[in-house]
PDB file of N, CA and C in Angstrom:
ATOM      1  N   MET A   1      15.617 130.565 143.246  1.00  0.00           N
ATOM      2  CA  MET A   1      16.855 131.064 142.680  1.00  0.00           C
ATOM      3  C   MET A   1      17.362 130.044 141.655  1.00  0.00           C
ATOM      4  N   PRO A   2      17.780 130.483 140.446  1.00  0.00           N
ATOM      5  CA  PRO A   2      18.249 129.537 139.431  1.00  0.00           C
ATOM      6  C   PRO A   2      19.587 128.923 139.821  1.00  0.00           C
ATOM      7  N   GLU A   3      19.766 127.683 139.392  1.00  0.00           N
ATOM      8  CA  GLU A   3      21.027 126.992 139.675  1.00  0.00           C
ATOM      9  C   GLU A   3      22.144 127.555 138.793  1.00  0.00           C
ATOM     10  N   SER A   4      23.335 127.609 139.337  1.00  0.00           N
ATOM     11  CA  SER A   4      24.471 128.066 138.529  1.00  0.00           C
ATOM     12  C   SER A   4      24.936 126.938 137.620  1.00  0.00           C
ATOM     13  N   ILE A   5      25.630 127.300 136.575  1.00  0.00           N
ATOM     14  CA  ILE A   5      26.140 126.314 135.625  1.00  0.00           C
ATOM     15  C   ILE A   5      27.646 126.218 135.833  1.00  0.00           C
ATOM     16  N   PRO A   6      28.127 125.185 136.546  1.00  0.00           N
ATOM     17  CA  PRO A   6      29.556 125.097 136.846  1.00  0.00           C
ATOM     18  C   PRO A   6      30.449 125.048 135.619  1.00  0.00           C
ATOM     19  N   CYS A   7      30.003 124.437 134.536  1.00  0.00           N
ATOM     20  CA  CYS A   7      30.870 124.326 133.362  1.00  0.00           C
ATOM     21  C   CYS A   7      31.148 125.697 132.757  1.00  0.00           C
ATOM     22  N   ALA A   8      30.262 126.655 132.934  1.00  0.00           N
ATOM     23  CA  ALA A   8      30.490 127.988 132.397  1.00  0.00           C
ATOM     24  C   ALA A   8      31.582 128.705 133.191  1.00  0.00           C
ATOM     25  N   LEU A   9      31.741 128.371 134.458  1.00  0.00           N
ATOM     26  CA  LEU A   9      32.734 129.026 135.292  1.00  0.00           C
ATOM     27  C   LEU A   9      34.108 128.382 135.177  1.00  0.00           C
ATOM     28  N   THR A  10      34.151 127.129 134.805  1.00  0.00           N
ATOM     29  CA  THR A  10      35.418 126.411 134.746  1.00  0.00           C
ATOM     30  C   THR A  10      35.811 126.020 133.328  1.00  0.00           C
ATOM     31  N   SER A  11      35.287 126.733 132.349  1.00  0.00           N
ATOM     32  CA  SER A  11      35.635 126.374 130.974  1.00  0.00           C
ATOM     33  C   SER A  11      37.130 126.586 130.748  1.00  0.00           C
ATOM     34  N   ALA A  12      37.702 125.721 129.957  1.00  0.00           N
ATOM     35  CA  ALA A  12      39.147 125.765 129.714  1.00  0.00           C
ATOM     36  C   ALA A  12      39.487 126.957 128.829  1.00  0.00           C
ATOM     37  N   GLN A  13      40.434 127.745 129.271  1.00  0.00           N
ATOM     38  CA  GLN A  13      40.934 128.866 128.493  1.00  0.00           C
ATOM     39  C   GLN A  13      42.212 128.416 127.785  1.00  0.00           C
ATOM     40  N   PRO A  14      42.424 128.882 126.565  1.00  0.00           N
ATOM     41  CA  PRO A  14      43.670 128.497 125.892  1.00  0.00           C
ATOM     42  C   PRO A  14      44.874 129.033 126.659  1.00  0.00           C
ATOM     43  N   SER A  15      45.911 128.219 126.739  1.00  0.00           N
ATOM     44  CA  SER A  15      47.124 128.619 127.444  1.00  0.00           C
ATOM     45  C   SER A  15      47.958 129.503 126.524  1.00  0.00           C
ATOM     46  N   ARG A  16      47.933 130.802 126.764  1.00  0.00           N
ATOM     47  CA  ARG A  16      48.705 131.740 125.954  1.00  0.00           C
ATOM     48  C   ARG A  16      49.601 132.538 126.881  1.00  0.00           C
ATOM     49  N   ARG A  17      50.839 132.646 126.487  1.00  0.00           N
ATOM     50  CA  ARG A  17      51.767 133.426 127.282  1.00  0.00           C
ATOM     51  C   ARG A  17      52.759 134.107 126.354  1.00  0.00           C
ATOM     52  N   LEU A  18      53.309 135.177 126.831  1.00  0.00           N
ATOM     53  CA  LEU A  18      54.290 135.917 126.062  1.00  0.00           C
ATOM     54  C   LEU A  18      55.612 135.159 126.089  1.00  0.00           C
ATOM     55  N   VAL A  19      56.133 134.832 124.916  1.00  0.00           N
ATOM     56  CA  VAL A  19      57.380 134.092 124.831  1.00  0.00           C
ATOM     57  C   VAL A  19      58.552 135.056 124.683  1.00  0.00           C
ATOM     58  N   ALA A  20      58.397 136.100 123.878  1.00  0.00           N
ATOM     59  CA  ALA A  20      59.464 137.080 123.687  1.00  0.00           C
ATOM     60  C   ALA A  20      58.869 138.416 123.276  1.00  0.00           C
ATOM     61  N   ALA A  21      59.571 139.470 123.632  1.00  0.00           N
ATOM     62  CA  ALA A  21      59.185 140.814 123.227  1.00  0.00           C
ATOM     63  C   ALA A  21      60.448 141.570 122.876  1.00  0.00           C
ATOM     64  N   GLY A  22      60.331 142.480 121.951  1.00  0.00           N
ATOM     65  CA  GLY A  22      61.519 143.228 121.563  1.00  0.00           C
ATOM     66  C   GLY A  22      61.167 144.607 121.072  1.00  0.00           C
ATOM     67  N   VAL A  23      62.186 145.447 121.014  1.00  0.00           N
ATOM     68  CA  VAL A  23      61.993 146.810 120.512  1.00  0.00           C
ATOM     69  C   VAL A  23      63.258 147.241 119.781  1.00  0.00           C
ATOM     70  N   ILE A  24      63.069 147.987 118.719  1.00  0.00           N
ATOM     71  CA  ILE A  24      64.178 148.601 117.996  1.00  0.00           C
ATOM     72  C   ILE A  24      63.902 150.094 117.972  1.00  0.00           C
ATOM     73  N   ARG A  25      64.869 150.866 118.436  1.00  0.00           N
ATOM     74  CA  ARG A  25      64.702 152.319 118.463  1.00  0.00           C
ATOM     75  C   ARG A  25      65.867 152.955 117.723  1.00  0.00           C
ATOM     76  N   ARG A  26      65.538 153.823 116.792  1.00  0.00           N
ATOM     77  CA  ARG A  26      66.570 154.511 116.017  1.00  0.00           C
ATOM     78  C   ARG A  26      66.602 155.973 116.438  1.00  0.00           C
ATOM     79  N   ILE A  27      67.748 156.398 116.926  1.00  0.00           N
ATOM     80  CA  ILE A  27      67.959 157.789 117.279  1.00  0.00           C
ATOM     81  C   ILE A  27      69.138 158.280 116.449  1.00  0.00           C
ATOM     82  N   PRO A  28      69.307 159.566 116.273  1.00  0.00           N
ATOM     83  CA  PRO A  28      70.397 160.048 115.411  1.00  0.00           C
ATOM     84  C   PRO A  28      71.751 159.434 115.769  1.00  0.00           C
ATOM     85  N   GLY A  29      72.309 158.700 114.823  1.00  0.00           N
ATOM     86  CA  GLY A  29      73.625 158.103 114.998  1.00  0.00           C
ATOM     87  C   GLY A  29      73.661 156.756 115.701  1.00  0.00           C
ATOM     88  N   ARG A  30      72.556 156.276 116.221  1.00  0.00           N
ATOM     89  CA  ARG A  30      72.536 155.015 116.977  1.00  0.00           C
ATOM     90  C   ARG A  30      71.262 154.219 116.683  1.00  0.00           C
ATOM     91  N   THR A  31      71.376 152.909 116.822  1.00  0.00           N
ATOM     92  CA  THR A  31      70.226 152.013 116.795  1.00  0.00           C
ATOM     93  C   THR A  31      70.289 151.174 118.061  1.00  0.00           C
ATOM     94  N   ILE A  32      69.214 151.174 118.834  1.00  0.00           N
ATOM     95  CA  ILE A  32      69.149 150.409 120.080  1.00  0.00           C
ATOM     96  C   ILE A  32      68.181 149.256 119.870  1.00  0.00           C
ATOM     97  N   THR A  33      68.656 148.036 120.138  1.00  0.00           N
ATOM     98  CA  THR A  33      67.838 146.839 119.990  1.00  0.00           C
ATOM     99  C   THR A  33      67.793 146.122 121.337  1.00  0.00           C
ATOM    100  N   VAL A  34      66.588 145.805 121.814  1.00  0.00           N
ATOM    101  CA  VAL A  34      66.425 145.096 123.083  1.00  0.00           C
ATOM    102  C   VAL A  34      65.471 143.933 122.857  1.00  0.00           C
ATOM    103  N   ARG A  35      65.825 142.759 123.401  1.00  0.00           N
ATOM    104  CA  ARG A  35      64.981 141.561 123.309  1.00  0.00           C
ATOM    105  C   ARG A  35      64.851 140.964 124.704  1.00  0.00           C
ATOM    106  N   VAL A  36      63.616 140.649 125.076  1.00  0.00           N
ATOM    107  CA  VAL A  36      63.342 140.098 126.401  1.00  0.00           C
ATOM    108  C   VAL A  36      62.625 138.764 126.240  1.00  0.00           C
ATOM    109  N   THR A  37      63.120 137.738 126.933  1.00  0.00           N
ATOM    110  CA  THR A  37      62.471 136.430 126.955  1.00  0.00           C
ATOM    111  C   THR A  37      62.354 135.976 128.399  1.00  0.00           C
ATOM    112  N   GLU A  38      61.792 134.800 128.594  1.00  0.00           N
ATOM    113  CA  GLU A  38      61.700 134.248 129.943  1.00  0.00           C
ATOM    114  C   GLU A  38      63.085 134.033 130.545  1.00  0.00           C
ATOM    115  N   ALA A  39      64.083 133.794 129.695  1.00  0.00           N
ATOM    116  CA  ALA A  39      65.434 133.522 130.175  1.00  0.00           C
ATOM    117  C   ALA A  39      66.185 134.782 130.584  1.00  0.00           C
ATOM    118  N   GLY A  40      65.779 135.936 130.087  1.00  0.00           N
ATOM    119  CA  GLY A  40      66.469 137.172 130.424  1.00  0.00           C
ATOM    120  C   GLY A  40      66.353 138.210 129.326  1.00  0.00           C
ATOM    121  N   ALA A  41      67.204 139.221 129.394  1.00  0.00           N
ATOM    122  CA  ALA A  41      67.160 140.320 128.425  1.00  0.00           C
ATOM    123  C   ALA A  41      68.531 140.498 127.788  1.00  0.00           C
ATOM    124  N   THR A  42      68.525 140.875 126.507  1.00  0.00           N
ATOM    125  CA  THR A  42      69.761 141.197 125.808  1.00  0.00           C
ATOM    126  C   THR A  42      69.549 142.511 125.079  1.00  0.00           C
ATOM    127  N   GLY A  43      70.619 143.208 124.815  1.00  0.00           N
ATOM    128  CA  GLY A  43      70.504 144.471 124.113  1.00  0.00           C
ATOM    129  C   GLY A  43      71.775 144.832 123.380  1.00  0.00           C
ATOM    130  N   VAL A  44      71.617 145.665 122.348  1.00  0.00           N
ATOM    131  CA  VAL A  44      72.741 146.110 121.540  1.00  0.00           C
ATOM    132  C   VAL A  44      72.540 147.584 121.221  1.00  0.00           C
ATOM    133  N   ILE A  45      73.609 148.345 121.351  1.00  0.00           N
ATOM    134  CA  ILE A  45      73.621 149.729 120.881  1.00  0.00           C
ATOM    135  C   ILE A  45      74.651 149.780 119.759  1.00  0.00           C
ATOM    136  N   ALA A  46      74.200 150.102 118.558  1.00  0.00           N
ATOM    137  CA  ALA A  46      75.091 150.078 117.396  1.00  0.00           C
ATOM    138  C   ALA A  46      75.089 151.438 116.705  1.00  0.00           C
ATOM    139  N   LYS A  47      76.218 151.749 116.056  1.00  0.00           N
ATOM    140  CA  LYS A  47      76.278 152.942 115.236  1.00  0.00           C
ATOM    141  C   LYS A  47      75.337 152.764 114.066  1.00  0.00           C
ATOM    142  N   GLN A  48      74.664 153.817 113.711  1.00  0.00           N
ATOM    143  CA  GLN A  48      73.742 153.748 112.581  1.00  0.00           C
ATOM    144  C   GLN A  48      74.537 153.759 111.282  1.00  0.00           C
ATOM    145  N   VAL A  49      74.203 152.843 110.403  1.00  0.00           N
ATOM    146  CA  VAL A  49      74.878 152.729 109.118  1.00  0.00           C
ATOM    147  C   VAL A  49      74.142 153.596 108.114  1.00  0.00           C
ATOM    148  N   THR A  50      74.856 154.472 107.428  1.00  0.00           N
ATOM    149  CA  THR A  50      74.229 155.307 106.408  1.00  0.00           C
ATOM    150  C   THR A  50      74.087 154.517 105.130  1.00  0.00           C
ATOM    151  N   ARG A  51      73.009 154.736 104.431  1.00  0.00           N
ATOM    152  CA  ARG A  51      72.737 153.991 103.192  1.00  0.00           C
ATOM    153  C   ARG A  51      73.030 154.839 101.994  1.00  0.00           C
TER     154      ARG A  51
END
């Protein structure tokens, strides 16, 4: 039986993690903005401004 290669099983993976995520949703007359981080979530519901 061939020997296993330990370095292939324990190779270092880059440390990547989600720092923040957000969404903006526009519905008739309103804009909803939500932001989520490790510290918590914030959100705003605002009247849509006509251009």
